[in-house]
Amino acid sequence: MGHGIGMQVHEPVNLEPGSKQKLEAGMCFSIEPGIYLPGVGGVRIEDYGWLGEDGFHPFTKTRKDLLLL
């Protein structure tokens, strides 16, 4: 579901079900929920940000509403 970011693209903390790692203020990480359908394809939304004392602050400001073309 996500991972830490910093000097490298993928760094500890690993955000995944069952993870015991504690998130702390000041950490930067991605949140990457996705859905994958065998034989069809998939999509993943990637948001990056940092954790403050008051919650998650996204770097990315991407729209999440459905856009029909």
C-alpha atoms as a PDB file:
ATOM      1  CA  MET A   1       0.000   0.000   0.000  1.00  0.00           C
ATOM      2  CA  GLY A   2       2.952   2.346   0.298  1.00  0.00           C
ATOM      3  CA  HIS A   3       6.547   2.925   1.339  1.00  0.00           C
ATOM      4  CA  GLY A   4       8.895   5.486   2.779  1.00  0.00           C
ATOM      5  CA  ILE A   5      10.539   8.054   0.511  1.00  0.00           C
ATOM      6  CA  GLY A   6      13.700  10.060   1.038  1.00  0.00           C
ATOM      7  CA  MET A   7      17.117   9.911  -0.581  1.00  0.00           C
ATOM      8  CA  GLN A   8      15.963   6.771  -2.426  1.00  0.00           C
ATOM      9  CA  VAL A   9      12.598   6.135  -4.075  1.00  0.00           C
ATOM     10  CA  HIS A  10      11.840   3.141  -1.820  1.00  0.00           C
ATOM     11  CA  GLU A  11      12.925   3.333   1.815  1.00  0.00           C
ATOM     12  CA  PRO A  12      11.632   1.929   5.083  1.00  0.00           C
ATOM     13  CA  VAL A  13       8.722   2.358   6.358  1.00  0.00           C
ATOM     14  CA  ASN A  14       6.657  -0.278   4.535  1.00  0.00           C
ATOM     15  CA  LEU A  15       2.938   0.405   4.588  1.00  0.00           C
ATOM     16  CA  GLU A  16       1.289  -2.974   4.165  1.00  0.00           C
ATOM     17  CA  PRO A  17      -1.306  -5.086   5.964  1.00  0.00           C
ATOM     18  CA  GLY A  18       0.094  -6.533   9.182  1.00  0.00           C
ATOM     19  CA  SER A  19       3.040  -4.139   9.368  1.00  0.00           C
ATOM     20  CA  LYS A  20       4.213  -3.450  12.922  1.00  0.00           C
ATOM     21  CA  GLN A  21       6.257  -0.372  11.984  1.00  0.00           C
ATOM     22  CA  LYS A  22       5.255   2.802  13.822  1.00  0.00           C
ATOM     23  CA  LEU A  23       4.651   5.970  11.809  1.00  0.00           C
ATOM     24  CA  GLU A  24       6.179   9.081  13.356  1.00  0.00           C
ATOM     25  CA  ALA A  25       5.842  12.792  12.681  1.00  0.00           C
ATOM     26  CA  GLY A  26       8.307  13.951  10.042  1.00  0.00           C
ATOM     27  CA  MET A  27       8.260  10.739   8.000  1.00  0.00           C
ATOM     28  CA  CYS A  28       7.715  11.039   4.247  1.00  0.00           C
ATOM     29  CA  PHE A  29       5.970   8.210   2.450  1.00  0.00           C
ATOM     30  CA  SER A  30       3.727   7.178  -0.401  1.00  0.00           C
ATOM     31  CA  ILE A  31       0.208   5.828  -0.191  1.00  0.00           C
ATOM     32  CA  GLU A  32      -0.531   3.614  -3.205  1.00  0.00           C
ATOM     33  CA  PRO A  33      -3.897   1.852  -3.169  1.00  0.00           C
ATOM     34  CA  GLY A  34      -4.704  -0.045  -6.349  1.00  0.00           C
ATOM     35  CA  ILE A  35      -6.942  -2.615  -7.963  1.00  0.00           C
ATOM     36  CA  TYR A  36      -5.743  -5.268 -10.393  1.00  0.00           C
ATOM     37  CA  LEU A  37      -8.026  -7.549 -12.401  1.00  0.00           C
ATOM     38  CA  PRO A  38      -6.370 -10.636 -13.945  1.00  0.00           C
ATOM     39  CA  GLY A  39      -6.612 -10.584 -17.717  1.00  0.00           C
ATOM     40  CA  VAL A  40      -7.991  -7.025 -17.704  1.00  0.00           C
ATOM     41  CA  GLY A  41      -5.457  -4.657 -16.136  1.00  0.00           C
ATOM     42  CA  GLY A  42      -5.348  -2.388 -13.164  1.00  0.00           C
ATOM     43  CA  VAL A  43      -4.928   1.056 -11.778  1.00  0.00           C
ATOM     44  CA  ARG A  44      -3.064   2.507  -8.807  1.00  0.00           C
ATOM     45  CA  ILE A  45      -3.333   5.971  -7.278  1.00  0.00           C
ATOM     46  CA  GLU A  46      -0.036   7.223  -5.838  1.00  0.00           C
ATOM     47  CA  ASP A  47       0.015  10.037  -3.317  1.00  0.00           C
ATOM     48  CA  TYR A  48       3.185  11.285  -1.635  1.00  0.00           C
ATOM     49  CA  GLY A  49       3.415  13.388   1.495  1.00  0.00           C
ATOM     50  CA  TRP A  50       4.689  13.779   5.030  1.00  0.00           C
ATOM     51  CA  LEU A  51       3.239  13.011   8.433  1.00  0.00           C
ATOM     52  CA  GLY A  52       2.883  15.930  10.816  1.00  0.00           C
ATOM     53  CA  GLU A  53       1.667  15.990  14.410  1.00  0.00           C
ATOM     54  CA  ASP A  54      -1.769  16.851  13.010  1.00  0.00           C
ATOM     55  CA  GLY A  55      -1.958  14.197  10.266  1.00  0.00           C
ATOM     56  CA  PHE A  56      -0.914  13.497   6.690  1.00  0.00           C
ATOM     57  CA  HIS A  57       0.092  16.432   4.455  1.00  0.00           C
ATOM     58  CA  PRO A  58       0.088  15.468   0.769  1.00  0.00           C
ATOM     59  CA  PHE A  59       2.704  16.748  -1.674  1.00  0.00           C
ATOM     60  CA  THR A  60       0.467  15.640  -4.543  1.00  0.00           C
ATOM     61  CA  LYS A  61      -2.791  17.469  -5.170  1.00  0.00           C
ATOM     62  CA  THR A  62      -4.331  15.136  -7.758  1.00  0.00           C
ATOM     63  CA  ARG A  63      -8.089  15.052  -8.251  1.00  0.00           C
ATOM     64  CA  LYS A  64      -9.786  11.860  -7.066  1.00  0.00           C
ATOM     65  CA  ASP A  65     -13.232  12.364  -8.588  1.00  0.00           C
ATOM     66  CA  LEU A  66     -14.310  10.363 -11.645  1.00  0.00           C
ATOM     67  CA  LEU A  67     -13.433  12.092 -14.902  1.00  0.00           C
ATOM     68  CA  LEU A  68     -15.181  10.765 -18.004  1.00  0.00           C
ATOM     69  CA  LEU A  69     -13.520  11.464 -21.342  1.00  0.00           C
END
